[in-house]
Amino acid sequence: PMITGTVTYLVRMALQPEAAIDVRIEDVSLADAPAKLVA
């Protein structure tokens, strides 16, 4: 299974080729604990 989508921003700025894009799924079930990385 997978999450699909798009990443964007709304300022007029060209993104450098070497820019690193990091997308992650987190478990945020516990309000009093840090989010847990899933993927």
PDB file of all heavy atoms in Angstrom:
ATOM      1  N   PRO A   1       0.854  -1.191   0.000  1.00  0.00           N
ATOM      2  CA  PRO A   1       0.000   0.000   0.000  1.00  0.00           C
ATOM      3  C   PRO A   1       0.888   1.239   0.000  1.00  0.00           C
ATOM      4  O   PRO A   1       2.053   1.177   0.399  1.00  0.00           O
ATOM      5  CB  PRO A   1      -0.786  -0.139   1.310  1.00  0.00           C
ATOM      6  CG  PRO A   1       0.097  -0.959   2.194  1.00  0.00           C
ATOM      7  CD  PRO A   1       0.816  -1.918   1.283  1.00  0.00           C
ATOM      8  N   MET A   2       0.352   2.360  -0.443  1.00  0.00           N
ATOM      9  CA  MET A   2       1.176   3.559  -0.483  1.00  0.00           C
ATOM     10  C   MET A   2       0.330   4.814  -0.365  1.00  0.00           C
ATOM     11  O   MET A   2      -0.876   4.807  -0.651  1.00  0.00           O
ATOM     12  CB  MET A   2       2.008   3.609  -1.761  1.00  0.00           C
ATOM     13  CG  MET A   2       1.225   3.764  -3.050  1.00  0.00           C
ATOM     14  SD  MET A   2       2.303   3.962  -4.503  1.00  0.00           S
ATOM     15  CE  MET A   2       3.248   2.440  -4.458  1.00  0.00           C
ATOM     16  N   ILE A   3       0.996   5.879   0.082  1.00  0.00           N
ATOM     17  CA  ILE A   3       0.431   7.209   0.048  1.00  0.00           C
ATOM     18  C   ILE A   3       0.936   7.889  -1.215  1.00  0.00           C
ATOM     19  O   ILE A   3       2.133   7.838  -1.522  1.00  0.00           O
ATOM     20  CB  ILE A   3       0.854   8.032   1.281  1.00  0.00           C
ATOM     21  CG1 ILE A   3       0.385   7.349   2.569  1.00  0.00           C
ATOM     22  CG2 ILE A   3       0.310   9.454   1.196  1.00  0.00           C
ATOM     23  CD1 ILE A   3      -1.118   7.245   2.710  1.00  0.00           C
ATOM     24  N   THR A   4       0.059   8.508  -1.963  1.00  0.00           N
ATOM     25  CA  THR A   4       0.443   9.260  -3.149  1.00  0.00           C
ATOM     26  C   THR A   4       0.059  10.717  -2.952  1.00  0.00           C
ATOM     27  O   THR A   4      -0.759  11.061  -2.095  1.00  0.00           O
ATOM     28  CB  THR A   4      -0.244   8.717  -4.407  1.00  0.00           C
ATOM     29  OG1 THR A   4      -1.669   8.852  -4.258  1.00  0.00           O
ATOM     30  CG2 THR A   4       0.097   7.253  -4.624  1.00  0.00           C
ATOM     31  N   GLY A   5       0.665  11.578  -3.745  1.00  0.00           N
ATOM     32  CA  GLY A   5       0.309  12.983  -3.639  1.00  0.00           C
ATOM     33  C   GLY A   5       1.309  13.873  -4.335  1.00  0.00           C
ATOM     34  O   GLY A   5       2.101  13.428  -5.179  1.00  0.00           O
ATOM     35  N   THR A   6       1.274  15.148  -3.971  1.00  0.00           N
ATOM     36  CA  THR A   6       2.174  16.144  -4.537  1.00  0.00           C
ATOM     37  C   THR A   6       2.741  17.010  -3.423  1.00  0.00           C
ATOM     38  O   THR A   6       2.121  17.191  -2.371  1.00  0.00           O
ATOM     39  CB  THR A   6       1.454  17.046  -5.551  1.00  0.00           C
ATOM     40  OG1 THR A   6       0.311  17.642  -4.928  1.00  0.00           O
ATOM     41  CG2 THR A   6       1.013  16.253  -6.761  1.00  0.00           C
ATOM     42  N   VAL A   7       3.921  17.544  -3.678  1.00  0.00           N
ATOM     43  CA  VAL A   7       4.576  18.495  -2.782  1.00  0.00           C
ATOM     44  C   VAL A   7       4.683  19.823  -3.525  1.00  0.00           C
ATOM     45  O   VAL A   7       5.175  19.863  -4.658  1.00  0.00           O
ATOM     46  CB  VAL A   7       5.982  18.006  -2.386  1.00  0.00           C
ATOM     47  CG1 VAL A   7       6.737  19.093  -1.631  1.00  0.00           C
ATOM     48  CG2 VAL A   7       5.890  16.742  -1.550  1.00  0.00           C
ATOM     49  N   THR A   8       4.218  20.898  -2.902  1.00  0.00           N
ATOM     50  CA  THR A   8       4.307  22.200  -3.544  1.00  0.00           C
ATOM     51  C   THR A   8       4.501  23.288  -2.503  1.00  0.00           C
ATOM     52  O   THR A   8       4.392  23.053  -1.299  1.00  0.00           O
ATOM     53  CB  THR A   8       3.055  22.493  -4.397  1.00  0.00           C
ATOM     54  OG1 THR A   8       3.308  23.618  -5.247  1.00  0.00           O
ATOM     55  CG2 THR A   8       1.851  22.793  -3.508  1.00  0.00           C
ATOM     56  N   TYR A   9       4.800  24.504  -2.958  1.00  0.00           N
ATOM     57  CA  TYR A   9       4.812  25.700  -2.121  1.00  0.00           C
ATOM     58  C   TYR A   9       4.331  26.846  -2.992  1.00  0.00           C
ATOM     59  O   TYR A   9       4.259  26.728  -4.223  1.00  0.00           O
ATOM     60  CB  TYR A   9       6.206  25.977  -1.547  1.00  0.00           C
ATOM     61  CG  TYR A   9       7.333  25.951  -2.543  1.00  0.00           C
ATOM     62  CD1 TYR A   9       7.569  27.025  -3.400  1.00  0.00           C
ATOM     63  CD2 TYR A   9       8.160  24.831  -2.655  1.00  0.00           C
ATOM     64  CE1 TYR A   9       8.602  26.997  -4.322  1.00  0.00           C
ATOM     65  CE2 TYR A   9       9.196  24.799  -3.579  1.00  0.00           C
ATOM     66  CZ  TYR A   9       9.412  25.881  -4.408  1.00  0.00           C
ATOM     67  OH  TYR A   9      10.425  25.846  -5.326  1.00  0.00           O
ATOM     68  N   LEU A  10       3.965  27.975  -2.373  1.00  0.00           N
ATOM     69  CA  LEU A  10       3.250  29.012  -3.092  1.00  0.00           C
ATOM     70  C   LEU A  10       4.045  30.292  -3.315  1.00  0.00           C
ATOM     71  O   LEU A  10       3.487  31.293  -3.741  1.00  0.00           O
ATOM     72  CB  LEU A  10       1.945  29.340  -2.356  1.00  0.00           C
ATOM     73  CG  LEU A  10       1.002  28.143  -2.210  1.00  0.00           C
ATOM     74  CD1 LEU A  10      -0.215  28.524  -1.395  1.00  0.00           C
ATOM     75  CD2 LEU A  10       0.573  27.631  -3.572  1.00  0.00           C
ATOM     76  N   VAL A  11       5.340  30.272  -3.043  1.00  0.00           N
ATOM     77  CA  VAL A  11       6.168  31.423  -3.371  1.00  0.00           C
ATOM     78  C   VAL A  11       6.839  31.173  -4.719  1.00  0.00           C
ATOM     79  O   VAL A  11       7.032  30.025  -5.116  1.00  0.00           O
ATOM     80  CB  VAL A  11       7.237  31.686  -2.283  1.00  0.00           C
ATOM     81  CG1 VAL A  11       6.593  31.969  -0.952  1.00  0.00           C
ATOM     82  CG2 VAL A  11       8.207  30.517  -2.169  1.00  0.00           C
ATOM     83  N   ARG A  12       7.192  32.251  -5.406  1.00  0.00           N
ATOM     84  CA  ARG A  12       7.842  32.103  -6.722  1.00  0.00           C
ATOM     85  C   ARG A  12       9.319  31.877  -6.496  1.00  0.00           C
ATOM     86  O   ARG A  12      10.113  32.807  -6.358  1.00  0.00           O
ATOM     87  CB  ARG A  12       7.579  33.344  -7.571  1.00  0.00           C
ATOM     88  CG  ARG A  12       6.125  33.509  -7.976  1.00  0.00           C
ATOM     89  CD  ARG A  12       5.942  34.770  -8.793  1.00  0.00           C
ATOM     90  NE  ARG A  12       6.721  34.723 -10.029  1.00  0.00           N
ATOM     91  CZ  ARG A  12       6.895  35.772 -10.827  1.00  0.00           C
ATOM     92  NH1 ARG A  12       6.370  36.932 -10.505  1.00  0.00           N
ATOM     93  NH2 ARG A  12       7.618  35.665 -11.922  1.00  0.00           N
ATOM     94  N   MET A  13       9.691  30.629  -6.470  1.00  0.00           N
ATOM     95  CA  MET A  13      11.079  30.274  -6.207  1.00  0.00           C
ATOM     96  C   MET A  13      11.420  29.007  -6.976  1.00  0.00           C
ATOM     97  O   MET A  13      10.724  27.996  -6.870  1.00  0.00           O
ATOM     98  CB  MET A  13      11.282  30.038  -4.710  1.00  0.00           C
ATOM     99  CG  MET A  13      12.646  29.490  -4.343  1.00  0.00           C
ATOM    100  SD  MET A  13      12.843  29.355  -2.555  1.00  0.00           S
ATOM    101  CE  MET A  13      14.434  28.501  -2.488  1.00  0.00           C
ATOM    102  N   ALA A  14      12.467  29.076  -7.763  1.00  0.00           N
ATOM    103  CA  ALA A  14      12.929  27.896  -8.496  1.00  0.00           C
ATOM    104  C   ALA A  14      13.647  26.965  -7.534  1.00  0.00           C
ATOM    105  O   ALA A  14      14.486  27.402  -6.747  1.00  0.00           O
ATOM    106  CB  ALA A  14      13.852  28.304  -9.625  1.00  0.00           C
ATOM    107  N   LEU A  15      13.301  25.696  -7.573  1.00  0.00           N
ATOM    108  CA  LEU A  15      13.895  24.711  -6.678  1.00  0.00           C
ATOM    109  C   LEU A  15      15.193  24.184  -7.283  1.00  0.00           C
ATOM    110  O   LEU A  15      15.224  23.728  -8.434  1.00  0.00           O
ATOM    111  CB  LEU A  15      12.914  23.556  -6.457  1.00  0.00           C
ATOM    112  CG  LEU A  15      13.176  22.620  -5.284  1.00  0.00           C
ATOM    113  CD1 LEU A  15      13.198  23.404  -3.969  1.00  0.00           C
ATOM    114  CD2 LEU A  15      12.103  21.534  -5.239  1.00  0.00           C
ATOM    115  N   GLN A  16      16.281  24.263  -6.506  1.00  0.00           N
ATOM    116  CA  GLN A  16      17.564  23.779  -7.010  1.00  0.00           C
ATOM    117  C   GLN A  16      17.538  22.274  -7.251  1.00  0.00           C
ATOM    118  O   GLN A  16      16.873  21.542  -6.518  1.00  0.00           O
ATOM    119  CB  GLN A  16      18.678  24.112  -6.015  1.00  0.00           C
ATOM    120  CG  GLN A  16      18.980  25.608  -5.930  1.00  0.00           C
ATOM    121  CD  GLN A  16      18.637  26.179  -4.571  1.00  0.00           C
ATOM    122  OE1 GLN A  16      17.509  26.041  -4.106  1.00  0.00           O
ATOM    123  NE2 GLN A  16      19.602  26.823  -3.942  1.00  0.00           N
ATOM    124  N   PRO A  17      18.251  21.786  -8.259  1.00  0.00           N
ATOM    125  CA  PRO A  17      18.238  20.353  -8.567  1.00  0.00           C
ATOM    126  C   PRO A  17      18.680  19.482  -7.395  1.00  0.00           C
ATOM    127  O   PRO A  17      18.226  18.350  -7.242  1.00  0.00           O
ATOM    128  CB  PRO A  17      19.215  20.238  -9.741  1.00  0.00           C
ATOM    129  CG  PRO A  17      19.205  21.585 -10.369  1.00  0.00           C
ATOM    130  CD  PRO A  17      19.035  22.557  -9.241  1.00  0.00           C
ATOM    131  N   GLU A  18      19.596  20.011  -6.565  1.00  0.00           N
ATOM    132  CA  GLU A  18      20.104  19.204  -5.451  1.00  0.00           C
ATOM    133  C   GLU A  18      19.224  19.257  -4.212  1.00  0.00           C
ATOM    134  O   GLU A  18      19.547  18.638  -3.191  1.00  0.00           O
ATOM    135  CB  GLU A  18      21.525  19.650  -5.085  1.00  0.00           C
ATOM    136  CG  GLU A  18      21.618  21.053  -4.491  1.00  0.00           C
ATOM    137  CD  GLU A  18      21.798  22.135  -5.533  1.00  0.00           C
ATOM    138  OE1 GLU A  18      21.458  21.883  -6.708  1.00  0.00           O
ATOM    139  OE2 GLU A  18      22.283  23.227  -5.173  1.00  0.00           O
ATOM    140  N   ALA A  19      18.119  19.987  -4.262  1.00  0.00           N
ATOM    141  CA  ALA A  19      17.232  20.066  -3.105  1.00  0.00           C
ATOM    142  C   ALA A  19      16.734  18.674  -2.728  1.00  0.00           C
ATOM    143  O   ALA A  19      16.362  17.872  -3.587  1.00  0.00           O
ATOM    144  CB  ALA A  19      16.052  20.973  -3.404  1.00  0.00           C
ATOM    145  N   ALA A  20      16.732  18.379  -1.423  1.00  0.00           N
ATOM    146  CA  ALA A  20      16.266  17.090  -0.917  1.00  0.00           C
ATOM    147  C   ALA A  20      14.841  17.228  -0.409  1.00  0.00           C
ATOM    148  O   ALA A  20      14.545  18.094   0.409  1.00  0.00           O
ATOM    149  CB  ALA A  20      17.173  16.605   0.215  1.00  0.00           C
ATOM    150  N   ILE A  21      13.960  16.376  -0.911  1.00  0.00           N
ATOM    151  CA  ILE A  21      12.551  16.373  -0.513  1.00  0.00           C
ATOM    152  C   ILE A  21      12.309  15.152   0.364  1.00  0.00           C
ATOM    153  O   ILE A  21      12.590  14.026  -0.045  1.00  0.00           O
ATOM    154  CB  ILE A  21      11.633  16.347  -1.742  1.00  0.00           C
ATOM    155  CG1 ILE A  21      11.949  17.536  -2.664  1.00  0.00           C
ATOM    156  CG2 ILE A  21      10.163  16.360  -1.325  1.00  0.00           C
ATOM    157  CD1 ILE A  21      11.251  17.486  -3.999  1.00  0.00           C
ATOM    158  N   ASP A  22      11.824  15.379   1.561  1.00  0.00           N
ATOM    159  CA  ASP A  22      11.636  14.324   2.565  1.00  0.00           C
ATOM    160  C   ASP A  22      10.157  14.254   2.915  1.00  0.00           C
ATOM    161  O   ASP A  22       9.595  15.196   3.471  1.00  0.00           O
ATOM    162  CB  ASP A  22      12.480  14.648   3.801  1.00  0.00           C
ATOM    163  CG  ASP A  22      12.379  13.581   4.894  1.00  0.00           C
ATOM    164  OD1 ASP A  22      11.557  12.667   4.760  1.00  0.00           O
ATOM    165  OD2 ASP A  22      13.111  13.687   5.890  1.00  0.00           O
ATOM    166  N   VAL A  23       9.516  13.138   2.560  1.00  0.00           N
ATOM    167  CA  VAL A  23       8.101  12.924   2.870  1.00  0.00           C
ATOM    168  C   VAL A  23       8.004  11.738   3.816  1.00  0.00           C
ATOM    169  O   VAL A  23       8.636  10.700   3.578  1.00  0.00           O
ATOM    170  CB  VAL A  23       7.271  12.647   1.597  1.00  0.00           C
ATOM    171  CG1 VAL A  23       5.787  12.568   1.932  1.00  0.00           C
ATOM    172  CG2 VAL A  23       7.535  13.709   0.541  1.00  0.00           C
ATOM    173  N   ARG A  24       7.223  11.877   4.880  1.00  0.00           N
ATOM    174  CA  ARG A  24       7.156  10.799   5.864  1.00  0.00           C
ATOM    175  C   ARG A  24       5.758  10.610   6.420  1.00  0.00           C
ATOM    176  O   ARG A  24       4.974  11.553   6.497  1.00  0.00           O
ATOM    177  CB  ARG A  24       8.132  11.064   7.011  1.00  0.00           C
ATOM    178  CG  ARG A  24       7.944  12.405   7.701  1.00  0.00           C
ATOM    179  CD  ARG A  24       8.902  12.582   8.873  1.00  0.00           C
ATOM    180  NE  ARG A  24      10.299  12.508   8.458  1.00  0.00           N
ATOM    181  CZ  ARG A  24      11.312  12.415   9.317  1.00  0.00           C
ATOM    182  NH1 ARG A  24      11.074  12.398  10.619  1.00  0.00           N
ATOM    183  NH2 ARG A  24      12.554  12.362   8.870  1.00  0.00           N
ATOM    184  N   ILE A  25       5.458   9.352   6.757  1.00  0.00           N
ATOM    185  CA  ILE A  25       4.228   9.006   7.481  1.00  0.00           C
ATOM    186  C   ILE A  25       4.584   8.854   8.949  1.00  0.00           C
ATOM    187  O   ILE A  25       5.562   8.183   9.288  1.00  0.00           O
ATOM    188  CB  ILE A  25       3.613   7.688   6.971  1.00  0.00           C
ATOM    189  CG1 ILE A  25       3.331   7.750   5.473  1.00  0.00           C
ATOM    190  CG2 ILE A  25       2.325   7.361   7.734  1.00  0.00           C
ATOM    191  CD1 ILE A  25       2.905   6.410   4.877  1.00  0.00           C
ATOM    192  N   GLU A  26       3.780   9.467   9.823  1.00  0.00           N
ATOM    193  CA  GLU A  26       4.035   9.380  11.255  1.00  0.00           C
ATOM    194  C   GLU A  26       2.782   8.954  11.999  1.00  0.00           C
ATOM    195  O   GLU A  26       1.663   9.325  11.625  1.00  0.00           O
ATOM    196  CB  GLU A  26       4.520  10.733  11.802  1.00  0.00           C
ATOM    197  CG  GLU A  26       5.865  11.166  11.246  1.00  0.00           C
ATOM    198  CD  GLU A  26       6.295  12.511  11.758  1.00  0.00           C
ATOM    199  OE1 GLU A  26       5.430  13.263  12.267  1.00  0.00           O
ATOM    200  OE2 GLU A  26       7.503  12.842  11.668  1.00  0.00           O
ATOM    201  N   ASP A  27       2.985   8.170  13.039  1.00  0.00           N
ATOM    202  CA  ASP A  27       1.911   7.784  13.945  1.00  0.00           C
ATOM    203  C   ASP A  27       1.817   8.863  15.014  1.00  0.00           C
ATOM    204  O   ASP A  27       2.751   9.076  15.791  1.00  0.00           O
ATOM    205  CB  ASP A  27       2.232   6.424  14.582  1.00  0.00           C
ATOM    206  CG  ASP A  27       1.093   5.888  15.443  1.00  0.00           C
ATOM    207  OD1 ASP A  27       0.325   6.692  15.987  1.00  0.00           O
ATOM    208  OD2 ASP A  27       0.998   4.652  15.585  1.00  0.00           O
ATOM    209  N   VAL A  28       0.682   9.570  15.056  1.00  0.00           N
ATOM    210  CA  VAL A  28       0.510  10.681  15.998  1.00  0.00           C
ATOM    211  C   VAL A  28      -0.605  10.386  16.991  1.00  0.00           C
ATOM    212  O   VAL A  28      -1.272  11.290  17.478  1.00  0.00           O
ATOM    213  CB  VAL A  28       0.218  11.988  15.233  1.00  0.00           C
ATOM    214  CG1 VAL A  28       1.420  12.413  14.408  1.00  0.00           C
ATOM    215  CG2 VAL A  28      -1.008  11.827  14.327  1.00  0.00           C
ATOM    216  N   SER A  29      -0.768   9.123  17.333  1.00  0.00           N
ATOM    217  CA  SER A  29      -1.868   8.713  18.204  1.00  0.00           C
ATOM    218  C   SER A  29      -1.720   9.218  19.627  1.00  0.00           C
ATOM    219  O   SER A  29      -2.715   9.512  20.298  1.00  0.00           O
ATOM    220  CB  SER A  29      -1.981   7.182  18.210  1.00  0.00           C
ATOM    221  OG  SER A  29      -2.141   6.691  16.902  1.00  0.00           O
ATOM    222  N   LEU A  30      -0.475   9.318  20.109  1.00  0.00           N
ATOM    223  CA  LEU A  30      -0.248   9.713  21.497  1.00  0.00           C
ATOM    224  C   LEU A  30       0.038  11.203  21.564  1.00  0.00           C
ATOM    225  O   LEU A  30       1.060  11.686  21.067  1.00  0.00           O
ATOM    226  CB  LEU A  30       0.916   8.913  22.087  1.00  0.00           C
ATOM    227  CG  LEU A  30       0.725   7.389  22.124  1.00  0.00           C
ATOM    228  CD1 LEU A  30       1.962   6.714  22.696  1.00  0.00           C
ATOM    229  CD2 LEU A  30      -0.504   7.033  22.948  1.00  0.00           C
ATOM    230  N   ALA A  31      -0.867  11.944  22.217  1.00  0.00           N
ATOM    231  CA  ALA A  31      -0.735  13.393  22.287  1.00  0.00           C
ATOM    232  C   ALA A  31       0.444  13.831  23.140  1.00  0.00           C
ATOM    233  O   ALA A  31       1.010  14.896  22.948  1.00  0.00           O
ATOM    234  CB  ALA A  31      -2.023  14.007  22.825  1.00  0.00           C
ATOM    235  N   ASP A  32       0.826  13.012  24.113  1.00  0.00           N
ATOM    236  CA  ASP A  32       1.894  13.398  25.046  1.00  0.00           C
ATOM    237  C   ASP A  32       3.218  12.717  24.723  1.00  0.00           C
ATOM    238  O   ASP A  32       4.104  12.619  25.569  1.00  0.00           O
ATOM    239  CB  ASP A  32       1.484  13.072  26.485  1.00  0.00           C
ATOM    240  CG  ASP A  32       1.149  11.597  26.678  1.00  0.00           C
ATOM    241  OD1 ASP A  32       1.011  10.894  25.662  1.00  0.00           O
ATOM    242  OD2 ASP A  32       1.015  11.162  27.832  1.00  0.00           O
ATOM    243  N   ALA A  33       3.368  12.234  23.487  1.00  0.00           N
ATOM    244  CA  ALA A  33       4.606  11.557  23.091  1.00  0.00           C
ATOM    245  C   ALA A  33       4.986  11.999  21.684  1.00  0.00           C
ATOM    246  O   ALA A  33       4.133  12.415  20.892  1.00  0.00           O
ATOM    247  CB  ALA A  33       4.429  10.038  23.133  1.00  0.00           C
ATOM    248  N   PRO A  34       6.279  11.951  21.353  1.00  0.00           N
ATOM    249  CA  PRO A  34       6.696  12.329  20.002  1.00  0.00           C
ATOM    250  C   PRO A  34       6.060  11.429  18.947  1.00  0.00           C
ATOM    251  O   PRO A  34       5.742  10.261  19.209  1.00  0.00           O
ATOM    252  CB  PRO A  34       8.216  12.131  20.046  1.00  0.00           C
ATOM    253  CG  PRO A  34       8.583  12.170  21.494  1.00  0.00           C
ATOM    254  CD  PRO A  34       7.416  11.586  22.221  1.00  0.00           C
ATOM    255  N   ALA A  35       5.846  11.985  17.751  1.00  0.00           N
ATOM    256  CA  ALA A  35       5.312  11.188  16.648  1.00  0.00           C
ATOM    257  C   ALA A  35       6.284  10.059  16.311  1.00  0.00           C
ATOM    258  O   ALA A  35       7.499  10.211  16.407  1.00  0.00           O
ATOM    259  CB  ALA A  35       5.080  12.070  15.430  1.00  0.00           C
ATOM    260  N   LYS A  36       5.736   8.915  15.919  1.00  0.00           N
ATOM    261  CA  LYS A  36       6.546   7.741  15.607  1.00  0.00           C
ATOM    262  C   LYS A  36       6.613   7.555  14.096  1.00  0.00           C
ATOM    263  O   LYS A  36       5.595   7.504  13.407  1.00  0.00           O
ATOM    264  CB  LYS A  36       5.931   6.502  16.258  1.00  0.00           C
ATOM    265  CG  LYS A  36       6.754   5.234  16.066  1.00  0.00           C
ATOM    266  CD  LYS A  36       6.093   4.064  16.785  1.00  0.00           C
ATOM    267  CE  LYS A  36       6.908   2.783  16.602  1.00  0.00           C
ATOM    268  NZ  LYS A  36       6.270   1.629  17.288  1.00  0.00           N
ATOM    269  N   LEU A  37       7.829   7.470  13.577  1.00  0.00           N
ATOM    270  CA  LEU A  37       8.025   7.319  12.142  1.00  0.00           C
ATOM    271  C   LEU A  37       7.556   5.943  11.671  1.00  0.00           C
ATOM    272  O   LEU A  37       7.940   4.919  12.229  1.00  0.00           O
ATOM    273  CB  LEU A  37       9.499   7.509  11.791  1.00  0.00           C
ATOM    274  CG  LEU A  37       9.881   7.384  10.317  1.00  0.00           C
ATOM    275  CD1 LEU A  37       9.225   8.496   9.497  1.00  0.00           C
ATOM    276  CD2 LEU A  37      11.391   7.427  10.155  1.00  0.00           C
ATOM    277  N   VAL A  38       6.749   5.925  10.626  1.00  0.00           N
ATOM    278  CA  VAL A  38       6.249   4.680  10.044  1.00  0.00           C
ATOM    279  C   VAL A  38       6.937   4.406   8.706  1.00  0.00           C
ATOM    280  O   VAL A  38       7.363   3.290   8.438  1.00  0.00           O
ATOM    281  CB  VAL A  38       4.713   4.738   9.853  1.00  0.00           C
ATOM    282  CG1 VAL A  38       4.202   3.491   9.125  1.00  0.00           C
ATOM    283  CG2 VAL A  38       4.009   4.895  11.193  1.00  0.00           C
ATOM    284  N   ALA A  39       7.046   5.403   7.860  1.00  0.00           N
ATOM    285  CA  ALA A  39       7.713   5.245   6.557  1.00  0.00           C
ATOM    286  C   ALA A  39       8.222   6.592   6.099  1.00  0.00           C
ATOM    287  O   ALA A  39       7.667   7.637   6.458  1.00  0.00           O
ATOM    288  CB  ALA A  39       6.757   4.643   5.528  1.00  0.00           C
TER     289      ALA A  39
END
